[in-house]
Amino acid sequence: MSVNNDGPLISPTDQDHLFEKFYQADNRSNVGRLGLGLAIASRIIALHQGRITVVSNPADHTTFTVYLAKGQPSS
């Protein structure tokens, strides 16, 4: 699953740290936020044997992609 955003780009330096607890990019709109959302999302995805990636550049805008392991069908 991918989510695309055409808002402000995320610098390569910030992309390297986005999924760390309490990390916040140097951005004034972060006032009052804790920097936990992407860390929690990343942990939940990892617990399901998946991964999350981010690509942010002028050509692709910002895209978060979640990869999950293919599960066995339910009976």
N, C-alpha and C. Protein backbone atom coordinates (compact mmCIF):
# COMPACT_ATOMS: atom_id res chain seq x y z
N MET A 1 0.85 -1.15 0.00
CA MET A 1 0.00 0.00 0.00
C MET A 1 0.91 1.22 0.00
N SER A 2 0.57 2.23 -0.79
CA SER A 2 1.33 3.47 -0.83
C SER A 2 0.43 4.66 -0.57
N VAL A 3 0.99 5.64 0.11
CA VAL A 3 0.31 6.91 0.36
C VAL A 3 1.21 8.00 -0.20
N ASN A 4 0.65 8.82 -1.09
CA ASN A 4 1.42 9.87 -1.74
C ASN A 4 0.95 11.23 -1.25
N ASN A 5 1.90 12.14 -1.05
CA ASN A 5 1.61 13.48 -0.56
C ASN A 5 2.35 14.46 -1.44
N ASP A 6 1.67 15.47 -1.93
CA ASP A 6 2.36 16.47 -2.76
C ASP A 6 2.70 17.72 -1.97
N GLY A 7 2.79 17.60 -0.65
CA GLY A 7 3.16 18.72 0.22
C GLY A 7 4.67 18.92 0.22
N PRO A 8 5.18 19.58 1.25
CA PRO A 8 6.62 19.85 1.32
C PRO A 8 7.43 18.56 1.30
N LEU A 9 8.59 18.62 0.64
CA LEU A 9 9.45 17.45 0.55
C LEU A 9 10.18 17.23 1.88
N ILE A 10 10.63 16.02 2.10
CA ILE A 10 11.38 15.65 3.30
C ILE A 10 12.84 15.48 2.88
N SER A 11 13.73 16.18 3.56
CA SER A 11 15.15 16.13 3.19
C SER A 11 15.70 14.72 3.37
N PRO A 12 16.75 14.38 2.61
CA PRO A 12 17.37 13.05 2.77
C PRO A 12 17.84 12.80 4.21
N THR A 13 18.36 13.80 4.88
CA THR A 13 18.79 13.65 6.27
C THR A 13 17.62 13.28 7.16
N ASP A 14 16.50 13.98 6.99
CA ASP A 14 15.31 13.68 7.79
C ASP A 14 14.75 12.31 7.45
N GLN A 15 14.80 11.91 6.19
CA GLN A 15 14.29 10.60 5.79
C GLN A 15 15.01 9.48 6.53
N ASP A 16 16.31 9.67 6.81
CA ASP A 16 17.09 8.66 7.50
C ASP A 16 16.64 8.46 8.95
N HIS A 17 15.91 9.42 9.52
CA HIS A 17 15.55 9.37 10.93
C HIS A 17 14.04 9.36 11.18
N LEU A 18 13.23 9.42 10.15
CA LEU A 18 11.79 9.58 10.31
C LEU A 18 11.12 8.55 11.21
N PHE A 19 11.64 7.34 11.24
CA PHE A 19 10.98 6.26 11.96
C PHE A 19 11.55 6.05 13.37
N GLU A 20 12.40 6.99 13.82
CA GLU A 20 12.96 6.93 15.17
C GLU A 20 12.01 7.61 16.15
N LYS A 21 11.90 7.05 17.35
CA LYS A 21 11.05 7.65 18.39
C LYS A 21 11.50 9.07 18.67
N PHE A 22 10.55 9.96 18.79
CA PHE A 22 10.72 11.36 19.17
C PHE A 22 11.46 12.21 18.14
N TYR A 23 11.78 11.65 16.97
CA TYR A 23 12.47 12.45 15.95
C TYR A 23 11.48 13.42 15.31
N GLN A 24 11.91 14.65 15.18
CA GLN A 24 11.12 15.67 14.49
C GLN A 24 12.04 16.46 13.59
N ALA A 25 11.63 16.64 12.36
CA ALA A 25 12.39 17.49 11.45
C ALA A 25 12.33 18.92 11.98
N ASP A 26 13.30 19.70 11.63
CA ASP A 26 13.32 21.10 12.06
C ASP A 26 12.24 21.84 11.28
N ASN A 27 11.04 21.88 11.87
CA ASN A 27 9.88 22.43 11.18
C ASN A 27 8.98 23.09 12.22
N ARG A 28 8.63 24.32 12.02
CA ARG A 28 7.83 25.05 13.00
C ARG A 28 6.42 24.48 13.18
N SER A 29 5.93 23.73 12.22
CA SER A 29 4.59 23.16 12.36
C SER A 29 4.57 21.96 13.32
N ASN A 30 5.73 21.56 13.82
CA ASN A 30 5.81 20.42 14.74
C ASN A 30 5.55 20.81 16.19
N VAL A 31 5.29 22.07 16.47
CA VAL A 31 5.09 22.52 17.83
C VAL A 31 3.95 21.73 18.48
N GLY A 32 4.22 21.18 19.65
CA GLY A 32 3.20 20.42 20.37
C GLY A 32 3.07 18.97 19.95
N ARG A 33 3.91 18.51 19.05
CA ARG A 33 3.86 17.11 18.60
C ARG A 33 5.00 16.34 19.25
N LEU A 34 4.86 15.03 19.33
CA LEU A 34 5.85 14.22 20.04
C LEU A 34 6.81 13.46 19.14
N GLY A 35 6.49 13.30 17.87
CA GLY A 35 7.37 12.54 17.00
C GLY A 35 7.28 11.04 17.22
N LEU A 36 6.08 10.56 17.53
CA LEU A 36 5.90 9.13 17.79
C LEU A 36 5.13 8.39 16.70
N GLY A 37 4.35 9.07 15.90
CA GLY A 37 3.44 8.42 14.95
C GLY A 37 4.12 7.47 13.99
N LEU A 38 5.17 7.92 13.31
CA LEU A 38 5.84 7.05 12.35
C LEU A 38 6.63 5.94 13.03
N ALA A 39 7.16 6.20 14.23
CA ALA A 39 7.86 5.16 14.98
C ALA A 39 6.89 4.06 15.38
N ILE A 40 5.70 4.44 15.83
CA ILE A 40 4.68 3.45 16.20
C ILE A 40 4.22 2.67 14.97
N ALA A 41 3.96 3.37 13.88
CA ALA A 41 3.53 2.70 12.65
C ALA A 41 4.60 1.72 12.18
N SER A 42 5.85 2.14 12.22
CA SER A 42 6.95 1.28 11.79
C SER A 42 7.04 0.03 12.66
N ARG A 43 6.87 0.18 13.95
CA ARG A 43 6.95 -0.96 14.87
C ARG A 43 5.80 -1.94 14.63
N ILE A 44 4.60 -1.44 14.45
CA ILE A 44 3.45 -2.31 14.18
C ILE A 44 3.66 -3.08 12.88
N ILE A 45 4.14 -2.39 11.86
CA ILE A 45 4.39 -3.04 10.57
C ILE A 45 5.47 -4.11 10.73
N ALA A 46 6.54 -3.80 11.48
CA ALA A 46 7.62 -4.77 11.71
C ALA A 46 7.11 -6.01 12.45
N LEU A 47 6.21 -5.80 13.41
CA LEU A 47 5.64 -6.94 14.15
C LEU A 47 4.84 -7.86 13.25
N HIS A 48 4.40 -7.36 12.11
CA HIS A 48 3.67 -8.16 11.12
C HIS A 48 4.59 -8.59 9.98
N GLN A 49 5.89 -8.63 10.26
CA GLN A 49 6.91 -9.02 9.29
C GLN A 49 6.89 -8.17 8.02
N GLY A 50 6.61 -6.90 8.17
CA GLY A 50 6.59 -5.99 7.03
C GLY A 50 7.63 -4.90 7.19
N ARG A 51 7.57 -3.94 6.30
CA ARG A 51 8.47 -2.79 6.37
C ARG A 51 7.77 -1.59 5.76
N ILE A 52 8.27 -0.40 6.10
CA ILE A 52 7.74 0.85 5.55
C ILE A 52 8.91 1.64 5.01
N THR A 53 8.71 2.26 3.86
CA THR A 53 9.76 3.08 3.25
C THR A 53 9.20 4.45 2.91
N VAL A 54 10.10 5.39 2.68
CA VAL A 54 9.71 6.73 2.26
C VAL A 54 10.60 7.16 1.11
N VAL A 55 10.00 7.79 0.12
CA VAL A 55 10.71 8.43 -0.98
C VAL A 55 10.17 9.84 -1.05
N SER A 56 11.07 10.82 -1.06
CA SER A 56 10.64 12.21 -1.13
C SER A 56 11.58 12.96 -2.05
N ASN A 57 11.09 13.30 -3.22
CA ASN A 57 11.88 14.07 -4.19
C ASN A 57 10.93 14.81 -5.12
N PRO A 58 11.44 15.81 -5.83
CA PRO A 58 10.55 16.62 -6.68
C PRO A 58 9.81 15.81 -7.74
N ALA A 59 10.41 14.74 -8.24
CA ALA A 59 9.76 13.95 -9.29
C ALA A 59 8.61 13.10 -8.73
N ASP A 60 8.81 12.53 -7.53
CA ASP A 60 7.82 11.60 -6.97
C ASP A 60 7.01 12.18 -5.83
N HIS A 61 7.30 13.41 -5.42
CA HIS A 61 6.71 14.01 -4.21
C HIS A 61 7.12 13.14 -3.02
N THR A 62 6.26 12.97 -2.04
CA THR A 62 6.58 12.12 -0.89
C THR A 62 5.64 10.93 -0.89
N THR A 63 6.23 9.74 -0.88
CA THR A 63 5.45 8.51 -0.88
C THR A 63 5.92 7.59 0.23
N PHE A 64 4.99 7.20 1.09
CA PHE A 64 5.24 6.18 2.10
C PHE A 64 4.64 4.89 1.56
N THR A 65 5.44 3.82 1.56
CA THR A 65 4.97 2.53 1.07
C THR A 65 5.12 1.49 2.17
N VAL A 66 4.06 0.73 2.40
CA VAL A 66 4.04 -0.34 3.39
C VAL A 66 4.04 -1.67 2.64
N TYR A 67 4.99 -2.53 3.02
CA TYR A 67 5.09 -3.88 2.47
C TYR A 67 4.78 -4.85 3.60
N LEU A 68 3.83 -5.74 3.36
CA LEU A 68 3.47 -6.76 4.35
C LEU A 68 3.70 -8.14 3.74
N ALA A 69 4.10 -9.08 4.60
CA ALA A 69 4.30 -10.46 4.15
C ALA A 69 2.96 -11.05 3.73
N LYS A 70 3.00 -11.84 2.70
CA LYS A 70 1.78 -12.50 2.24
C LYS A 70 1.42 -13.57 3.26
N GLY A 71 0.22 -13.48 3.80
CA GLY A 71 -0.23 -14.42 4.82
C GLY A 71 -0.94 -15.61 4.21
N GLN A 72 -1.20 -16.57 5.06
CA GLN A 72 -1.97 -17.74 4.66
C GLN A 72 -3.45 -17.39 4.66
N PRO A 73 -4.23 -17.91 3.73
CA PRO A 73 -5.68 -17.62 3.72
C PRO A 73 -6.33 -18.13 4.99
N SER A 74 -7.32 -17.41 5.45
CA SER A 74 -8.10 -17.83 6.64
C SER A 74 -9.03 -18.95 6.24
N SER A 75 -9.30 -19.85 7.19
CA SER A 75 -10.28 -20.89 6.87
C SER A 75 -11.60 -20.61 7.51
